[in-house]
C-alpha cells in the first residue's frame, strides 16, 4: 500500500472512530439529561408536599379549620353554614355537613374535626370527637390532622357503630392534589431528537 493510501485509510478509521465516540457521547448526554430531568421532577413532586405541610402548620387554627372544611366540601360533603363554624358552643366540632348517597338518595350527617398538630393525635381526642358526633347524631366523622394518629387512636376510630375517617398529613397532600385545592399543576417539557442529532435533517 502506498504511503498516501495508508495515510488516507488511517484518517478514515480515525474519523469513523471519532463519530462513533461522538454518537456515544450524545447518547450518554441524552440519557444523563433525561435521568437528571426525572430526578428534578421527582424532587418537585416531593418539594411541593413539604411546602404544603409547612404552610398548613404555619396557619392559625382558625385558618386550618377553614381549609379542612374546604377540603371536605371538595370530597362531596355539603357543609352546614351554622354548625362547627364558630369557636364556641360547638362541642369541639370544626365543621358539620351532609352527604347524600347517589344510589338511594339517603342523607347522612357528617361531623368534622381538624387538628393542626405536630405530635400524633392520641385516642382521647377520638373519644371526645365521638362524644361530639353523638350530640349531633352524626353517622360519619372525618378527623383531619397535619401530623398522624397514634395506634390507639386508630383502634379507637374503628370501634363502635359510627364510621370515622382519619386523614393525616400524607393523606391531605394526596387529596389536595386530587381535587387541586388551592394549587395549580405545573407542566414541563422533554427535549426532542433535534437537540441530540448531528445535523439539521430531523423533521419536526
N, C-alpha and C. Protein backbone atom coordinates (compact mmCIF):
# COMPACT_ATOMS: atom_id res chain seq x y z
N UNK A 1 0.86 -1.20 0.00
CA UNK A 1 0.00 0.00 0.00
C UNK A 1 0.89 1.24 0.00
N UNK A 2 0.54 2.18 -0.84
CA UNK A 2 1.31 3.40 -0.91
C UNK A 2 1.13 4.20 0.36
N UNK A 3 2.10 5.10 0.62
CA UNK A 3 2.07 5.88 1.84
C UNK A 3 0.82 6.74 1.94
N UNK A 4 0.44 7.38 0.80
CA UNK A 4 -0.74 8.25 0.83
C UNK A 4 -2.02 7.44 1.05
N UNK A 5 -2.07 6.20 0.49
CA UNK A 5 -3.25 5.36 0.69
C UNK A 5 -3.34 4.93 2.16
N UNK A 6 -2.17 4.59 2.72
CA UNK A 6 -2.15 4.20 4.13
C UNK A 6 -2.59 5.37 5.02
N UNK A 7 -2.08 6.53 4.68
CA UNK A 7 -2.44 7.73 5.44
C UNK A 7 -3.95 8.01 5.35
N UNK A 8 -4.50 7.89 4.14
CA UNK A 8 -5.92 8.13 3.94
C UNK A 8 -6.75 7.12 4.70
N UNK A 9 -6.31 5.85 4.69
CA UNK A 9 -7.04 4.80 5.41
C UNK A 9 -7.01 5.07 6.91
N UNK A 10 -5.86 5.51 7.39
CA UNK A 10 -5.72 5.81 8.81
C UNK A 10 -6.63 6.97 9.22
N UNK A 11 -6.69 7.98 8.38
CA UNK A 11 -7.56 9.12 8.63
C UNK A 11 -9.02 8.68 8.65
N UNK A 12 -9.37 7.81 7.70
CA UNK A 12 -10.74 7.33 7.61
C UNK A 12 -11.14 6.56 8.87
N UNK A 13 -10.23 5.68 9.35
CA UNK A 13 -10.51 4.90 10.55
C UNK A 13 -10.66 5.81 11.78
N UNK A 14 -9.81 6.82 11.84
CA UNK A 14 -9.90 7.76 12.96
C UNK A 14 -11.20 8.56 12.91
N UNK A 15 -11.62 8.90 11.68
CA UNK A 15 -12.87 9.65 11.52
C UNK A 15 -14.05 8.80 11.95
N UNK A 16 -14.04 7.52 11.53
CA UNK A 16 -15.12 6.61 11.89
C UNK A 16 -15.19 6.45 13.41
N UNK A 17 -14.02 6.27 14.04
CA UNK A 17 -13.98 6.12 15.49
C UNK A 17 -14.43 7.39 16.19
N UNK A 18 -14.05 8.54 15.60
CA UNK A 18 -14.45 9.82 16.18
C UNK A 18 -15.97 9.96 16.22
N UNK A 19 -16.62 9.64 15.10
CA UNK A 19 -18.07 9.79 15.03
C UNK A 19 -18.79 8.76 15.91
N UNK A 20 -18.16 7.56 16.05
CA UNK A 20 -18.72 6.58 16.98
C UNK A 20 -18.69 7.12 18.41
N UNK A 21 -17.56 7.70 18.75
CA UNK A 21 -17.43 8.27 20.09
C UNK A 21 -18.38 9.44 20.30
N UNK A 22 -18.55 10.26 19.23
CA UNK A 22 -19.48 11.38 19.31
C UNK A 22 -20.90 10.90 19.54
N UNK A 23 -21.27 9.82 18.82
CA UNK A 23 -22.62 9.28 18.95
C UNK A 23 -22.86 8.75 20.36
N UNK A 24 -21.84 8.02 20.88
CA UNK A 24 -21.96 7.51 22.23
C UNK A 24 -22.05 8.64 23.24
N UNK A 25 -21.27 9.69 22.99
CA UNK A 25 -21.28 10.83 23.88
C UNK A 25 -22.65 11.51 23.90
N UNK A 26 -23.23 11.66 22.72
CA UNK A 26 -24.55 12.30 22.63
C UNK A 26 -25.62 11.42 23.28
N UNK A 27 -25.50 10.09 23.06
CA UNK A 27 -26.45 9.19 23.70
C UNK A 27 -26.32 9.26 25.22
N UNK A 28 -25.06 9.31 25.68
CA UNK A 28 -24.82 9.42 27.12
C UNK A 28 -25.39 10.72 27.65
N UNK A 29 -25.19 11.81 26.90
CA UNK A 29 -25.73 13.11 27.31
C UNK A 29 -27.25 13.07 27.39
N UNK A 30 -27.86 12.42 26.40
CA UNK A 30 -29.32 12.34 26.37
C UNK A 30 -29.83 11.56 27.58
N UNK A 31 -29.19 10.39 27.84
CA UNK A 31 -29.61 9.58 28.97
C UNK A 31 -29.38 10.31 30.28
N UNK A 32 -28.24 10.99 30.38
CA UNK A 32 -27.92 11.73 31.60
C UNK A 32 -28.91 12.87 31.81
N UNK A 33 -29.25 13.55 30.71
CA UNK A 33 -30.19 14.66 30.80
C UNK A 33 -31.57 14.17 31.23
N UNK A 34 -32.02 13.07 30.61
CA UNK A 34 -33.34 12.53 30.93
C UNK A 34 -33.37 12.04 32.38
N UNK A 35 -32.27 11.45 32.83
CA UNK A 35 -32.19 10.97 34.21
C UNK A 35 -32.25 12.15 35.17
N UNK A 36 -31.50 13.19 34.85
CA UNK A 36 -31.48 14.38 35.69
C UNK A 36 -32.85 15.05 35.71
N UNK A 37 -33.51 15.07 34.54
CA UNK A 37 -34.83 15.67 34.46
C UNK A 37 -35.82 14.88 35.31
N UNK A 38 -35.73 13.57 35.25
CA UNK A 38 -36.62 12.72 36.05
C UNK A 38 -36.41 12.97 37.53
N UNK A 39 -35.12 13.07 37.93
CA UNK A 39 -34.83 13.35 39.33
C UNK A 39 -35.37 14.71 39.74
N UNK A 40 -35.26 15.68 38.85
CA UNK A 40 -35.76 17.02 39.15
C UNK A 40 -37.28 17.01 39.32
N UNK A 41 -37.96 16.26 38.44
CA UNK A 41 -39.41 16.16 38.55
C UNK A 41 -39.82 15.45 39.83
N UNK A 42 -39.08 14.38 40.16
CA UNK A 42 -39.38 13.66 41.39
C UNK A 42 -39.17 14.56 42.60
N UNK A 43 -38.09 15.35 42.56
CA UNK A 43 -37.84 16.28 43.67
C UNK A 43 -38.95 17.32 43.77
N UNK A 44 -39.44 17.79 42.61
CA UNK A 44 -40.51 18.78 42.60
C UNK A 44 -41.78 18.20 43.21
N UNK A 45 -42.04 16.92 42.88
CA UNK A 45 -43.22 16.28 43.44
C UNK A 45 -43.15 16.22 44.95
N UNK A 46 -41.96 15.94 45.49
CA UNK A 46 -41.80 15.86 46.93
C UNK A 46 -41.74 17.25 47.56
N UNK A 47 -41.11 18.20 46.88
CA UNK A 47 -40.94 19.53 47.45
C UNK A 47 -42.26 20.23 47.70
N UNK A 48 -43.22 20.07 46.79
CA UNK A 48 -44.49 20.76 46.99
C UNK A 48 -45.23 20.19 48.20
N UNK A 49 -45.05 18.89 48.46
CA UNK A 49 -45.68 18.28 49.63
C UNK A 49 -45.07 18.84 50.92
N UNK A 50 -43.76 18.98 50.91
CA UNK A 50 -43.08 19.56 52.07
C UNK A 50 -43.53 21.00 52.27
N UNK A 51 -43.62 21.73 51.18
CA UNK A 51 -44.05 23.14 51.26
C UNK A 51 -45.50 23.23 51.75
N UNK A 52 -46.35 22.32 51.28
CA UNK A 52 -47.76 22.31 51.72
C UNK A 52 -47.83 22.05 53.23
N UNK A 53 -47.10 21.04 53.70
CA UNK A 53 -47.12 20.71 55.12
C UNK A 53 -46.65 21.90 55.96
N UNK A 54 -45.59 22.54 55.50
CA UNK A 54 -45.06 23.71 56.22
C UNK A 54 -46.10 24.83 56.25
N UNK A 55 -46.78 25.04 55.13
CA UNK A 55 -47.78 26.12 55.08
C UNK A 55 -48.96 25.82 55.99
N UNK A 56 -49.41 24.56 55.99
CA UNK A 56 -50.55 24.19 56.83
C UNK A 56 -50.21 24.35 58.32
N UNK A 57 -49.00 23.94 58.69
CA UNK A 57 -48.61 24.01 60.10
C UNK A 57 -48.37 25.45 60.56
N UNK A 58 -48.13 26.35 59.62
CA UNK A 58 -47.92 27.75 59.99
C UNK A 58 -49.23 28.54 60.04
N UNK A 59 -50.33 27.91 59.63
CA UNK A 59 -51.63 28.58 59.66
C UNK A 59 -52.11 28.74 61.09
N UNK A 60 -52.97 29.72 61.30
CA UNK A 60 -53.66 29.82 62.59
C UNK A 60 -54.66 28.66 62.67
N UNK A 61 -55.06 28.26 63.88
CA UNK A 61 -56.05 27.18 64.00
C UNK A 61 -57.33 27.47 63.22
N UNK A 62 -57.75 28.73 63.23
CA UNK A 62 -58.97 29.10 62.54
C UNK A 62 -58.84 28.92 61.03
N UNK A 63 -57.69 29.33 60.49
CA UNK A 63 -57.50 29.20 59.04
C UNK A 63 -57.39 27.72 58.64
N UNK A 64 -56.75 26.92 59.48
CA UNK A 64 -56.64 25.50 59.17
C UNK A 64 -58.02 24.84 59.19
N UNK A 65 -58.87 25.25 60.11
CA UNK A 65 -60.23 24.71 60.15
C UNK A 65 -60.99 25.09 58.88
N UNK A 66 -60.77 26.31 58.41
CA UNK A 66 -61.39 26.74 57.15
C UNK A 66 -60.90 25.88 56.00
N UNK A 67 -59.59 25.62 55.98
CA UNK A 67 -59.01 24.75 54.96
C UNK A 67 -59.64 23.36 55.02
N UNK A 68 -59.76 22.81 56.23
CA UNK A 68 -60.31 21.46 56.40
C UNK A 68 -61.75 21.38 55.89
N UNK A 69 -62.54 22.40 56.19
CA UNK A 69 -63.93 22.40 55.71
C UNK A 69 -63.96 22.48 54.18
N UNK A 70 -63.05 23.27 53.62
CA UNK A 70 -63.00 23.36 52.16
C UNK A 70 -62.61 22.04 51.52
N UNK A 71 -61.69 21.31 52.16
CA UNK A 71 -61.27 20.01 51.65
C UNK A 71 -62.42 19.01 51.70
N UNK A 72 -63.12 18.99 52.82
CA UNK A 72 -64.25 18.08 52.97
C UNK A 72 -65.36 18.42 51.97
N UNK A 73 -65.53 19.69 51.71
CA UNK A 73 -66.53 20.11 50.71
C UNK A 73 -66.18 19.55 49.34
N UNK A 74 -64.90 19.58 48.99
CA UNK A 74 -64.46 19.02 47.71
C UNK A 74 -64.70 17.52 47.66
N UNK A 75 -64.70 16.87 48.81
CA UNK A 75 -64.93 15.43 48.89
C UNK A 75 -66.40 15.06 48.74
N UNK A 76 -67.26 16.06 48.64
CA UNK A 76 -68.67 15.79 48.38
C UNK A 76 -69.62 16.07 49.52
N UNK A 77 -69.10 16.65 50.60
CA UNK A 77 -69.94 16.95 51.77
C UNK A 77 -70.53 18.35 51.62
N UNK A 78 -71.83 18.46 51.79
CA UNK A 78 -72.49 19.77 51.76
C UNK A 78 -72.42 20.36 53.17
N UNK A 79 -71.69 21.44 53.31
CA UNK A 79 -71.42 22.00 54.63
C UNK A 79 -72.62 22.73 55.20
N UNK A 80 -72.79 22.57 56.50
CA UNK A 80 -73.78 23.34 57.25
C UNK A 80 -73.19 24.71 57.55
N UNK A 81 -73.94 25.76 57.33
CA UNK A 81 -73.42 27.12 57.48
C UNK A 81 -73.39 27.59 58.93
N UNK A 82 -73.96 26.79 59.84
CA UNK A 82 -74.06 27.24 61.22
C UNK A 82 -73.27 26.37 62.20
N UNK A 83 -73.36 25.05 62.04
CA UNK A 83 -72.74 24.15 63.00
C UNK A 83 -71.24 24.00 62.71
N UNK A 84 -70.42 24.21 63.71
CA UNK A 84 -69.00 23.98 63.57
C UNK A 84 -68.20 25.13 62.98
N UNK A 85 -68.85 26.25 62.74
CA UNK A 85 -68.12 27.37 62.14
C UNK A 85 -67.76 28.44 63.16
N UNK A 86 -68.35 28.39 64.35
CA UNK A 86 -67.97 29.32 65.40
C UNK A 86 -66.98 28.63 66.33
N UNK A 87 -66.34 29.40 67.20
CA UNK A 87 -65.29 28.86 68.05
C UNK A 87 -65.78 28.64 69.48
N UNK A 88 -67.10 28.73 69.69
CA UNK A 88 -67.68 28.44 70.99
C UNK A 88 -68.99 27.69 70.77
N UNK A 89 -69.34 26.87 71.76
CA UNK A 89 -70.63 26.16 71.79
C UNK A 89 -70.83 25.20 70.62
N UNK A 90 -69.73 24.65 70.09
CA UNK A 90 -69.85 23.66 69.02
C UNK A 90 -69.41 22.27 69.47
N UNK A 91 -69.20 22.14 70.78
CA UNK A 91 -68.83 20.84 71.37
C UNK A 91 -67.59 20.25 70.71
N UNK A 92 -66.66 21.09 70.30
CA UNK A 92 -65.41 20.58 69.74
C UNK A 92 -65.43 20.31 68.26
N UNK A 93 -66.54 20.52 67.59
CA UNK A 93 -66.60 20.29 66.15
C UNK A 93 -66.00 21.48 65.41
N UNK A 94 -65.34 21.18 64.30
CA UNK A 94 -64.79 22.23 63.44
C UNK A 94 -65.52 22.33 62.11
N UNK A 95 -66.57 21.57 61.99
CA UNK A 95 -67.39 21.60 60.79
C UNK A 95 -68.46 20.53 60.85
N UNK A 96 -69.48 20.72 60.06
CA UNK A 96 -70.60 19.77 60.03
C UNK A 96 -71.24 19.85 58.66
N UNK A 97 -71.70 18.71 58.18
CA UNK A 97 -72.32 18.73 56.87
C UNK A 97 -73.14 17.49 56.60
N UNK A 98 -73.52 17.36 55.34
CA UNK A 98 -74.40 16.26 54.94
C UNK A 98 -73.90 15.68 53.62
N UNK A 99 -74.03 14.38 53.52
CA UNK A 99 -73.65 13.72 52.28
C UNK A 99 -74.79 12.79 51.87
N UNK A 100 -75.15 12.86 50.60
CA UNK A 100 -76.28 12.09 50.09
C UNK A 100 -75.79 10.99 49.16
N UNK A 101 -76.26 9.79 49.41
CA UNK A 101 -75.89 8.66 48.57
C UNK A 101 -76.55 8.79 47.21
N UNK A 102 -75.80 8.56 46.15
CA UNK A 102 -76.36 8.64 44.80
C UNK A 102 -77.18 7.41 44.45
N UNK A 103 -77.05 6.36 45.25
CA UNK A 103 -77.78 5.12 44.95
C UNK A 103 -79.22 5.18 45.43
N UNK A 104 -79.40 5.58 46.70
CA UNK A 104 -80.76 5.58 47.26
C UNK A 104 -81.17 6.95 47.82
N UNK A 105 -80.35 7.97 47.53
CA UNK A 105 -80.64 9.34 47.97
C UNK A 105 -80.78 9.45 49.49
N UNK A 106 -80.09 8.56 50.21
CA UNK A 106 -80.09 8.63 51.67
C UNK A 106 -79.07 9.67 52.11
N UNK A 107 -79.50 10.56 53.01
CA UNK A 107 -78.61 11.61 53.51
C UNK A 107 -78.10 11.26 54.89
N UNK A 108 -76.79 11.41 55.08
CA UNK A 108 -76.16 11.14 56.37
C UNK A 108 -75.47 12.40 56.87
N UNK A 109 -75.43 12.52 58.19
CA UNK A 109 -74.79 13.66 58.83
C UNK A 109 -73.30 13.36 59.02
N UNK A 110 -72.46 14.39 58.77
CA UNK A 110 -71.02 14.22 58.85
C UNK A 110 -70.43 15.27 59.79
N UNK A 111 -69.72 14.80 60.81
CA UNK A 111 -69.03 15.71 61.73
C UNK A 111 -67.56 15.83 61.31
N UNK A 112 -67.00 17.02 61.50
CA UNK A 112 -65.63 17.29 61.04
C UNK A 112 -64.79 17.81 62.22
N UNK A 113 -63.60 17.26 62.34
CA UNK A 113 -62.64 17.72 63.35
C UNK A 113 -61.31 17.98 62.67
N UNK A 114 -60.66 19.10 63.01
CA UNK A 114 -59.39 19.46 62.38
C UNK A 114 -58.38 19.84 63.46
N UNK A 115 -57.19 19.21 63.41
CA UNK A 115 -56.15 19.49 64.38
C UNK A 115 -54.84 19.82 63.67
N UNK A 116 -54.36 21.04 63.85
CA UNK A 116 -53.07 21.46 63.28
C UNK A 116 -51.99 21.18 64.33
N UNK A 117 -51.56 19.91 64.33
CA UNK A 117 -50.67 19.46 65.39
C UNK A 117 -49.32 19.02 64.85
N UNK A 118 -48.32 19.03 65.73
CA UNK A 118 -47.01 18.46 65.44
C UNK A 118 -46.95 17.00 65.89
N UNK A 119 -47.51 16.74 67.07
CA UNK A 119 -47.50 15.39 67.63
C UNK A 119 -48.69 14.57 67.12
N UNK A 120 -48.57 13.26 67.23
CA UNK A 120 -49.65 12.39 66.80
C UNK A 120 -50.89 12.58 67.67
N UNK A 121 -52.04 12.43 67.05
CA UNK A 121 -53.31 12.56 67.76
C UNK A 121 -53.52 11.32 68.62
N UNK A 122 -53.75 11.46 69.94
CA UNK A 122 -53.95 10.30 70.81
C UNK A 122 -55.42 9.87 70.84
N UNK A 123 -55.67 8.73 71.43
CA UNK A 123 -57.02 8.17 71.46
C UNK A 123 -58.04 9.03 72.23
N UNK A 124 -57.64 9.74 73.32
CA UNK A 124 -58.64 10.58 74.00
C UNK A 124 -59.29 11.62 73.07
N UNK A 125 -58.55 12.09 72.08
CA UNK A 125 -59.12 13.06 71.14
C UNK A 125 -60.20 12.40 70.28
N UNK A 126 -59.99 11.14 69.96
CA UNK A 126 -61.01 10.40 69.21
C UNK A 126 -62.25 10.21 70.06
N UNK A 127 -62.04 9.91 71.34
CA UNK A 127 -63.18 9.72 72.25
C UNK A 127 -63.99 11.00 72.37
N UNK A 128 -63.31 12.14 72.48
CA UNK A 128 -64.02 13.42 72.56
C UNK A 128 -64.79 13.70 71.27
N UNK A 129 -64.17 13.35 70.16
CA UNK A 129 -64.83 13.56 68.87
C UNK A 129 -66.08 12.70 68.77
N UNK A 130 -66.01 11.46 69.26
CA UNK A 130 -67.18 10.58 69.25
C UNK A 130 -68.32 11.19 70.07
N UNK A 131 -67.96 11.82 71.20
CA UNK A 131 -68.97 12.48 72.02
C UNK A 131 -69.65 13.61 71.27
N UNK A 132 -68.87 14.38 70.52
CA UNK A 132 -69.44 15.47 69.72
C UNK A 132 -70.33 14.91 68.61
N UNK A 133 -69.92 13.80 68.00
CA UNK A 133 -70.74 13.17 66.97
C UNK A 133 -72.08 12.74 67.54
N UNK A 134 -72.05 12.19 68.77
CA UNK A 134 -73.29 11.75 69.41
C UNK A 134 -74.24 12.91 69.65
N UNK A 135 -73.68 14.06 70.05
CA UNK A 135 -74.53 15.22 70.33
C UNK A 135 -75.32 15.65 69.10
N UNK A 136 -74.69 15.54 67.93
CA UNK A 136 -75.35 15.98 66.69
C UNK A 136 -75.85 14.81 65.85
N UNK A 137 -75.85 13.60 66.43
CA UNK A 137 -76.36 12.41 65.75
C UNK A 137 -75.70 12.19 64.38
N UNK A 138 -74.41 12.41 64.34
CA UNK A 138 -73.68 12.25 63.07
C UNK A 138 -73.38 10.77 62.83
N UNK A 139 -73.73 10.30 61.65
CA UNK A 139 -73.44 8.91 61.30
C UNK A 139 -71.97 8.71 60.90
N UNK A 140 -71.37 9.78 60.38
CA UNK A 140 -69.99 9.71 59.92
C UNK A 140 -69.17 10.83 60.55
N UNK A 141 -67.88 10.55 60.68
CA UNK A 141 -66.96 11.57 61.18
C UNK A 141 -65.70 11.61 60.32
N UNK A 142 -65.14 12.80 60.14
CA UNK A 142 -63.88 12.96 59.42
C UNK A 142 -62.94 13.75 60.32
N UNK A 143 -61.83 13.12 60.69
CA UNK A 143 -60.84 13.74 61.57
C UNK A 143 -59.59 14.02 60.75
N UNK A 144 -59.22 15.29 60.66
CA UNK A 144 -58.10 15.71 59.82
C UNK A 144 -57.00 16.30 60.70
N UNK A 145 -55.76 15.87 60.46
CA UNK A 145 -54.63 16.43 61.19
C UNK A 145 -53.42 16.57 60.27
N UNK A 146 -52.58 17.54 60.58
CA UNK A 146 -51.35 17.74 59.81
C UNK A 146 -50.28 16.72 60.21
N UNK A 147 -50.47 16.07 61.34
CA UNK A 147 -49.47 15.10 61.82
C UNK A 147 -49.93 13.68 61.47
N UNK A 148 -50.18 12.86 62.47
CA UNK A 148 -50.62 11.49 62.25
C UNK A 148 -51.42 11.04 63.47
N UNK A 149 -51.83 9.78 63.48
CA UNK A 149 -52.62 9.25 64.58
C UNK A 149 -51.85 8.13 65.28
N UNK A 150 -51.96 8.10 66.60
CA UNK A 150 -51.33 7.03 67.35
C UNK A 150 -52.06 5.72 67.06
N UNK A 151 -51.41 4.62 67.39
CA UNK A 151 -52.03 3.31 67.17
C UNK A 151 -53.35 3.19 67.94
N UNK A 152 -53.34 3.68 69.18
CA UNK A 152 -54.56 3.60 70.00
C UNK A 152 -55.67 4.46 69.42
N UNK A 153 -55.30 5.60 68.80
CA UNK A 153 -56.31 6.46 68.17
C UNK A 153 -56.93 5.76 66.97
N UNK A 154 -56.11 5.07 66.19
CA UNK A 154 -56.62 4.34 65.03
C UNK A 154 -57.57 3.24 65.48
N UNK A 155 -57.20 2.55 66.55
CA UNK A 155 -58.06 1.49 67.07
C UNK A 155 -59.37 2.06 67.62
N UNK A 156 -59.28 3.21 68.29
CA UNK A 156 -60.49 3.84 68.85
C UNK A 156 -61.44 4.27 67.74
N UNK A 157 -60.89 4.72 66.60
CA UNK A 157 -61.73 5.17 65.49
C UNK A 157 -62.47 4.00 64.84
N UNK A 158 -61.94 2.79 65.01
CA UNK A 158 -62.55 1.60 64.39
C UNK A 158 -63.62 0.97 65.26
N UNK A 159 -63.70 1.41 66.52
CA UNK A 159 -64.67 0.83 67.44
C UNK A 159 -66.00 1.55 67.35
N UNK A 160 -67.04 0.89 67.84
CA UNK A 160 -68.37 1.49 67.86
C UNK A 160 -69.07 1.36 66.52
N UNK A 161 -70.27 1.93 66.47
CA UNK A 161 -71.10 1.82 65.27
C UNK A 161 -70.90 2.99 64.31
N UNK A 162 -70.28 4.07 64.77
CA UNK A 162 -70.10 5.23 63.91
C UNK A 162 -68.79 5.11 63.14
N UNK A 163 -68.83 5.53 61.88
CA UNK A 163 -67.67 5.43 61.00
C UNK A 163 -66.87 6.73 61.08
N UNK A 164 -65.58 6.60 61.41
CA UNK A 164 -64.70 7.77 61.47
C UNK A 164 -63.56 7.58 60.48
N UNK A 165 -63.43 8.51 59.56
CA UNK A 165 -62.33 8.51 58.59
C UNK A 165 -61.20 9.37 59.12
N UNK A 166 -60.01 8.79 59.19
CA UNK A 166 -58.83 9.52 59.68
C UNK A 166 -57.99 9.97 58.50
N UNK A 167 -57.66 11.26 58.47
CA UNK A 167 -56.87 11.84 57.38
C UNK A 167 -55.63 12.50 57.99
N UNK A 168 -54.46 11.95 57.68
CA UNK A 168 -53.21 12.50 58.21
C UNK A 168 -52.55 13.43 57.20
N UNK A 169 -51.33 13.86 57.51
CA UNK A 169 -50.65 14.83 56.65
C UNK A 169 -50.43 14.33 55.24
N UNK A 170 -50.03 13.05 55.10
CA UNK A 170 -49.81 12.48 53.77
C UNK A 170 -51.12 12.41 52.99
N UNK A 171 -52.19 12.03 53.67
CA UNK A 171 -53.50 11.97 53.02
C UNK A 171 -53.96 13.35 52.55
N UNK A 172 -53.67 14.35 53.36
CA UNK A 172 -54.04 15.72 52.98
C UNK A 172 -53.41 16.09 51.64
N UNK A 173 -52.11 15.80 51.50
CA UNK A 173 -51.40 16.13 50.26
C UNK A 173 -52.02 15.39 49.08
N UNK A 174 -52.34 14.12 49.27
CA UNK A 174 -52.97 13.34 48.19
C UNK A 174 -54.30 13.94 47.78
N UNK A 175 -55.10 14.35 48.74
CA UNK A 175 -56.42 14.90 48.45
C UNK A 175 -56.32 16.29 47.83
N UNK A 176 -55.36 17.10 48.30
CA UNK A 176 -55.15 18.42 47.71
C UNK A 176 -54.79 18.28 46.24
N UNK A 177 -53.93 17.29 45.92
CA UNK A 177 -53.55 17.05 44.53
C UNK A 177 -54.74 16.53 43.73
N UNK A 178 -55.52 15.64 44.31
CA UNK A 178 -56.66 15.05 43.61
C UNK A 178 -57.69 16.10 43.24
N UNK A 179 -58.01 16.97 44.20
CA UNK A 179 -59.06 17.97 43.98
C UNK A 179 -58.50 19.32 43.55
N UNK A 180 -57.14 19.41 43.46
CA UNK A 180 -56.48 20.67 43.06
C UNK A 180 -56.97 21.83 43.92
N UNK A 181 -56.95 21.62 45.22
CA UNK A 181 -57.44 22.61 46.17
C UNK A 181 -56.37 23.66 46.45
N UNK A 182 -56.58 24.86 45.93
CA UNK A 182 -55.65 25.98 46.11
C UNK A 182 -54.25 25.66 45.59
N UNK A 183 -54.14 24.82 44.59
CA UNK A 183 -52.86 24.53 43.94
C UNK A 183 -53.08 24.54 42.44
N UNK A 184 -52.00 24.67 41.69
CA UNK A 184 -52.07 24.57 40.25
C UNK A 184 -51.00 23.61 39.76
N UNK A 185 -51.34 22.83 38.76
CA UNK A 185 -50.42 21.84 38.24
C UNK A 185 -49.42 22.50 37.30
N UNK A 186 -48.16 22.19 37.48
CA UNK A 186 -47.09 22.76 36.66
C UNK A 186 -46.56 21.68 35.73
N UNK A 187 -46.53 21.99 34.42
CA UNK A 187 -46.02 21.03 33.44
C UNK A 187 -44.60 21.39 33.04
N UNK A 188 -43.90 20.42 32.48
CA UNK A 188 -42.55 20.67 31.99
C UNK A 188 -42.43 20.11 30.58
N UNK A 189 -41.23 20.17 30.00
CA UNK A 189 -41.02 19.76 28.62
C UNK A 189 -39.84 18.81 28.51
N UNK A 190 -39.92 17.91 27.55
CA UNK A 190 -38.82 16.99 27.24
C UNK A 190 -38.24 17.35 25.89
N UNK A 191 -36.92 17.44 25.79
CA UNK A 191 -36.28 17.81 24.53
C UNK A 191 -36.49 16.73 23.48
N UNK A 192 -36.77 17.16 22.25
CA UNK A 192 -36.94 16.25 21.14
C UNK A 192 -35.62 15.79 20.55
N UNK A 193 -35.68 14.89 19.55
CA UNK A 193 -34.47 14.33 18.96
C UNK A 193 -33.60 15.38 18.28
N UNK A 194 -34.21 16.49 17.87
CA UNK A 194 -33.46 17.54 17.18
C UNK A 194 -32.24 17.97 17.99
N UNK A 195 -32.41 18.03 19.32
CA UNK A 195 -31.33 18.52 20.17
C UNK A 195 -30.23 17.49 20.38
N UNK A 196 -30.45 16.26 19.92
CA UNK A 196 -29.48 15.20 20.16
C UNK A 196 -28.91 14.62 18.87
N UNK A 197 -29.21 15.22 17.71
CA UNK A 197 -28.74 14.71 16.43
C UNK A 197 -27.54 15.50 15.95
N UNK A 198 -26.88 14.96 14.92
CA UNK A 198 -25.62 15.54 14.45
C UNK A 198 -25.79 16.60 13.37
N UNK A 199 -26.97 16.66 12.76
CA UNK A 199 -27.17 17.64 11.70
C UNK A 199 -28.58 18.20 11.79
N UNK A 200 -29.02 18.85 10.72
CA UNK A 200 -30.32 19.51 10.74
C UNK A 200 -31.37 18.76 9.93
N UNK A 201 -31.20 17.46 9.77
CA UNK A 201 -32.09 16.70 8.90
C UNK A 201 -33.33 16.20 9.61
N UNK A 202 -33.41 16.38 10.92
CA UNK A 202 -34.55 15.87 11.67
C UNK A 202 -35.78 16.72 11.37
N UNK A 203 -36.87 16.06 11.07
CA UNK A 203 -38.11 16.78 10.79
C UNK A 203 -38.83 17.07 12.09
N UNK A 204 -39.62 18.13 12.10
CA UNK A 204 -40.39 18.49 13.29
C UNK A 204 -41.57 17.55 13.44
